[in-house]
Amino acid sequence: MKTIKVFCLDSCEYSNHLKQELWDNDVVFEEVYMGSTRAIHDLRNGGLSQARAPVLQVREQFYTGYDLFPGGVIDRSFLEQCLLDTGSL
């Protein structure tokens, strides 16, 4: 199981931006389609039954688009903090 997952939708601008940010920084992650049964199960287990794309999971912690994109722009320093303990950055 990968340490980092991105729950996303193909048509979501924020999902695509988050994935690109991770790719640009050579972060290995698993992409999970938000509408899949697996995503629904994982998000519910994480306490996010009404989550909207994107959602970043780092180990057992979940971060929503509200956490990652305050004011509509990705918070790179927040993202770095989320990923630091995984050794991904």
N, C-alpha and C. Protein backbone atom coordinates (compact mmCIF):
# COMPACT_ATOMS: atom_id res chain seq x y z
N MET A 1 0.85 -1.19 0.00
CA MET A 1 0.00 0.00 0.00
C MET A 1 0.88 1.24 0.00
N LYS A 2 0.56 2.18 -0.86
CA LYS A 2 1.32 3.42 -0.92
C LYS A 2 0.95 4.31 0.25
N THR A 3 1.90 5.12 0.66
CA THR A 3 1.73 6.02 1.79
C THR A 3 0.87 7.22 1.43
N ILE A 4 0.88 7.61 0.15
CA ILE A 4 0.19 8.82 -0.28
C ILE A 4 -0.85 8.48 -1.34
N LYS A 5 -2.06 8.99 -1.14
CA LYS A 5 -3.14 8.82 -2.11
C LYS A 5 -3.74 10.18 -2.44
N VAL A 6 -4.14 10.33 -3.69
CA VAL A 6 -4.88 11.51 -4.11
C VAL A 6 -6.24 11.03 -4.61
N PHE A 7 -7.28 11.42 -3.90
CA PHE A 7 -8.66 11.13 -4.32
C PHE A 7 -9.07 12.28 -5.22
N CYS A 8 -9.43 11.98 -6.46
CA CYS A 8 -9.61 13.06 -7.42
C CYS A 8 -10.68 12.73 -8.46
N LEU A 9 -10.99 13.76 -9.23
CA LEU A 9 -11.86 13.66 -10.40
C LEU A 9 -11.08 14.21 -11.59
N ASP A 10 -11.22 13.57 -12.74
CA ASP A 10 -10.49 14.02 -13.93
C ASP A 10 -10.83 15.44 -14.33
N SER A 11 -12.08 15.82 -14.15
CA SER A 11 -12.53 17.14 -14.60
C SER A 11 -12.30 18.24 -13.57
N CYS A 12 -11.68 17.91 -12.44
CA CYS A 12 -11.47 18.87 -11.37
C CYS A 12 -10.13 19.59 -11.53
N GLU A 13 -10.18 20.88 -11.71
CA GLU A 13 -8.98 21.70 -11.88
C GLU A 13 -8.03 21.56 -10.68
N TYR A 14 -8.58 21.54 -9.48
CA TYR A 14 -7.76 21.43 -8.28
C TYR A 14 -7.10 20.05 -8.17
N SER A 15 -7.83 19.01 -8.55
CA SER A 15 -7.25 17.66 -8.55
C SER A 15 -6.05 17.61 -9.49
N ASN A 16 -6.24 18.14 -10.68
CA ASN A 16 -5.16 18.13 -11.67
C ASN A 16 -3.97 18.96 -11.21
N HIS A 17 -4.23 20.07 -10.56
CA HIS A 17 -3.14 20.92 -10.07
C HIS A 17 -2.37 20.21 -8.95
N LEU A 18 -3.08 19.56 -8.05
CA LEU A 18 -2.42 18.84 -6.96
C LEU A 18 -1.56 17.71 -7.51
N LYS A 19 -2.10 16.94 -8.44
CA LYS A 19 -1.33 15.84 -9.03
C LYS A 19 -0.09 16.37 -9.74
N GLN A 20 -0.23 17.46 -10.47
CA GLN A 20 0.92 18.03 -11.17
C GLN A 20 1.98 18.51 -10.19
N GLU A 21 1.57 19.10 -9.10
CA GLU A 21 2.51 19.56 -8.07
C GLU A 21 3.29 18.37 -7.51
N LEU A 22 2.61 17.27 -7.26
CA LEU A 22 3.28 16.07 -6.75
C LEU A 22 4.22 15.48 -7.79
N TRP A 23 3.77 15.38 -9.04
CA TRP A 23 4.63 14.87 -10.12
C TRP A 23 5.87 15.74 -10.28
N ASP A 24 5.69 17.06 -10.26
CA ASP A 24 6.81 17.99 -10.42
C ASP A 24 7.86 17.82 -9.33
N ASN A 25 7.43 17.33 -8.17
CA ASN A 25 8.35 17.13 -7.04
C ASN A 25 8.72 15.67 -6.84
N ASP A 26 8.44 14.85 -7.87
CA ASP A 26 8.80 13.42 -7.86
C ASP A 26 8.23 12.67 -6.66
N VAL A 27 7.02 13.05 -6.26
CA VAL A 27 6.34 12.37 -5.16
C VAL A 27 5.54 11.21 -5.75
N VAL A 28 5.78 10.03 -5.23
CA VAL A 28 5.05 8.84 -5.68
C VAL A 28 3.74 8.77 -4.91
N PHE A 29 2.64 8.66 -5.65
CA PHE A 29 1.33 8.59 -5.03
C PHE A 29 0.42 7.68 -5.82
N GLU A 30 -0.64 7.28 -5.18
CA GLU A 30 -1.67 6.48 -5.83
C GLU A 30 -2.86 7.38 -6.12
N GLU A 31 -3.34 7.33 -7.33
CA GLU A 31 -4.51 8.10 -7.73
C GLU A 31 -5.76 7.24 -7.57
N VAL A 32 -6.75 7.77 -6.87
CA VAL A 32 -8.00 7.04 -6.63
C VAL A 32 -9.16 7.90 -7.14
N TYR A 33 -9.93 7.35 -8.06
CA TYR A 33 -11.08 8.07 -8.60
C TYR A 33 -12.13 8.27 -7.51
N MET A 34 -12.53 9.49 -7.31
CA MET A 34 -13.42 9.89 -6.22
C MET A 34 -14.76 9.15 -6.23
N GLY A 35 -15.25 8.75 -7.38
CA GLY A 35 -16.55 8.09 -7.46
C GLY A 35 -16.50 6.58 -7.26
N SER A 36 -15.31 6.04 -7.08
CA SER A 36 -15.17 4.59 -6.94
C SER A 36 -15.63 4.12 -5.57
N THR A 37 -16.01 2.87 -5.51
CA THR A 37 -16.42 2.26 -4.24
C THR A 37 -15.28 2.32 -3.23
N ARG A 38 -14.09 2.07 -3.71
CA ARG A 38 -12.93 2.11 -2.83
C ARG A 38 -12.73 3.50 -2.21
N ALA A 39 -12.85 4.54 -3.04
CA ALA A 39 -12.69 5.91 -2.54
C ALA A 39 -13.76 6.22 -1.50
N ILE A 40 -14.98 5.87 -1.79
CA ILE A 40 -16.07 6.14 -0.86
C ILE A 40 -15.80 5.43 0.47
N HIS A 41 -15.37 4.19 0.41
CA HIS A 41 -15.06 3.42 1.61
C HIS A 41 -13.91 4.06 2.40
N ASP A 42 -12.80 4.36 1.71
CA ASP A 42 -11.62 4.94 2.37
C ASP A 42 -11.93 6.30 2.99
N LEU A 43 -12.67 7.13 2.26
CA LEU A 43 -12.98 8.47 2.77
C LEU A 43 -13.93 8.39 3.96
N ARG A 44 -14.91 7.51 3.90
CA ARG A 44 -15.82 7.33 5.05
C ARG A 44 -15.05 6.86 6.27
N ASN A 45 -14.15 5.92 6.07
CA ASN A 45 -13.33 5.43 7.19
C ASN A 45 -12.44 6.53 7.75
N GLY A 46 -12.09 7.49 6.92
CA GLY A 46 -11.29 8.64 7.36
C GLY A 46 -12.13 9.77 7.92
N GLY A 47 -13.45 9.57 8.00
CA GLY A 47 -14.33 10.60 8.55
C GLY A 47 -14.75 11.66 7.56
N LEU A 48 -14.61 11.39 6.27
CA LEU A 48 -14.91 12.38 5.23
C LEU A 48 -16.02 11.90 4.31
N SER A 49 -17.18 11.65 4.84
CA SER A 49 -18.27 11.12 4.02
C SER A 49 -18.80 12.12 2.99
N GLN A 50 -18.62 13.41 3.21
CA GLN A 50 -19.11 14.43 2.28
C GLN A 50 -17.97 15.17 1.58
N ALA A 51 -16.81 14.56 1.46
CA ALA A 51 -15.64 15.22 0.89
C ALA A 51 -15.80 15.51 -0.60
N ARG A 52 -15.19 16.60 -1.02
CA ARG A 52 -15.14 16.97 -2.43
C ARG A 52 -13.70 16.88 -2.90
N ALA A 53 -13.52 16.65 -4.18
CA ALA A 53 -12.18 16.51 -4.75
C ALA A 53 -11.46 17.86 -4.73
N PRO A 54 -10.16 17.79 -4.55
CA PRO A 54 -9.33 16.64 -4.24
C PRO A 54 -9.19 16.43 -2.73
N VAL A 55 -8.80 15.22 -2.38
CA VAL A 55 -8.44 14.90 -1.00
C VAL A 55 -7.08 14.21 -1.06
N LEU A 56 -6.17 14.66 -0.23
CA LEU A 56 -4.85 14.07 -0.13
C LEU A 56 -4.80 13.24 1.14
N GLN A 57 -4.41 11.98 1.02
CA GLN A 57 -4.21 11.14 2.19
C GLN A 57 -2.73 10.87 2.33
N VAL A 58 -2.17 11.21 3.48
CA VAL A 58 -0.79 10.92 3.80
C VAL A 58 -0.81 10.03 5.03
N ARG A 59 -0.50 8.78 4.81
CA ARG A 59 -0.63 7.73 5.83
C ARG A 59 -2.07 7.72 6.32
N GLU A 60 -2.33 8.02 7.57
CA GLU A 60 -3.70 7.97 8.10
C GLU A 60 -4.37 9.34 8.15
N GLN A 61 -3.69 10.38 7.72
CA GLN A 61 -4.21 11.76 7.78
C GLN A 61 -4.79 12.17 6.43
N PHE A 62 -5.95 12.84 6.46
CA PHE A 62 -6.61 13.31 5.26
C PHE A 62 -6.60 14.83 5.22
N TYR A 63 -6.34 15.40 4.04
CA TYR A 63 -6.33 16.85 3.82
C TYR A 63 -7.26 17.15 2.66
N THR A 64 -8.18 18.05 2.87
CA THR A 64 -9.16 18.39 1.83
C THR A 64 -8.66 19.55 0.97
N GLY A 65 -9.41 19.81 -0.07
CA GLY A 65 -9.11 20.96 -0.91
C GLY A 65 -9.13 22.26 -0.14
N TYR A 66 -9.96 22.33 0.89
CA TYR A 66 -10.00 23.54 1.73
C TYR A 66 -8.67 23.73 2.46
N ASP A 67 -8.04 22.63 2.86
CA ASP A 67 -6.73 22.70 3.52
C ASP A 67 -5.63 23.05 2.52
N LEU A 68 -5.69 22.45 1.34
CA LEU A 68 -4.62 22.54 0.36
C LEU A 68 -4.68 23.78 -0.52
N PHE A 69 -5.90 24.31 -0.72
CA PHE A 69 -6.10 25.43 -1.64
C PHE A 69 -6.83 26.60 -0.98
N PRO A 70 -6.27 27.14 0.11
CA PRO A 70 -6.95 28.28 0.73
C PRO A 70 -6.95 29.46 -0.25
N GLY A 71 -8.07 30.08 -0.42
CA GLY A 71 -8.16 31.20 -1.36
C GLY A 71 -8.06 30.78 -2.81
N GLY A 72 -8.17 29.47 -3.09
CA GLY A 72 -8.15 29.00 -4.47
C GLY A 72 -6.77 28.76 -5.05
N VAL A 73 -5.71 28.92 -4.23
CA VAL A 73 -4.34 28.73 -4.70
C VAL A 73 -3.67 27.70 -3.80
N ILE A 74 -2.91 26.78 -4.41
CA ILE A 74 -2.27 25.74 -3.61
C ILE A 74 -1.30 26.36 -2.60
N ASP A 75 -1.35 25.86 -1.40
CA ASP A 75 -0.45 26.29 -0.33
C ASP A 75 0.73 25.32 -0.32
N ARG A 76 1.79 25.68 -1.03
CA ARG A 76 2.93 24.77 -1.19
C ARG A 76 3.62 24.46 0.14
N SER A 77 3.71 25.44 1.02
CA SER A 77 4.37 25.18 2.31
C SER A 77 3.54 24.20 3.14
N PHE A 78 2.20 24.30 3.08
CA PHE A 78 1.34 23.36 3.79
C PHE A 78 1.51 21.97 3.20
N LEU A 79 1.54 21.87 1.88
CA LEU A 79 1.72 20.59 1.21
C LEU A 79 3.05 19.97 1.60
N GLU A 80 4.09 20.76 1.63
CA GLU A 80 5.41 20.26 2.04
C GLU A 80 5.37 19.70 3.46
N GLN A 81 4.71 20.42 4.36
CA GLN A 81 4.58 19.94 5.74
C GLN A 81 3.83 18.61 5.80
N CYS A 82 2.81 18.46 4.99
CA CYS A 82 2.03 17.22 4.96
C CYS A 82 2.90 16.04 4.53
N LEU A 83 3.85 16.30 3.64
CA LEU A 83 4.64 15.23 3.04
C LEU A 83 5.97 14.98 3.73
N LEU A 84 6.41 15.87 4.60
CA LEU A 84 7.74 15.77 5.19
C LEU A 84 8.00 14.44 5.89
N ASP A 85 7.08 13.97 6.69
CA ASP A 85 7.34 12.75 7.46
C ASP A 85 7.34 11.48 6.60
N THR A 86 6.97 11.57 5.35
CA THR A 86 7.00 10.40 4.47
C THR A 86 8.33 10.27 3.76
N GLY A 87 9.15 11.31 3.84
CA GLY A 87 10.41 11.30 3.11
C GLY A 87 10.22 11.56 1.64
N SER A 88 9.04 12.05 1.25
CA SER A 88 8.74 12.28 -0.16
C SER A 88 9.32 13.57 -0.69
N LEU A 89 9.61 14.51 0.20
CA LEU A 89 10.21 15.78 -0.23
C LEU A 89 11.56 15.98 0.42
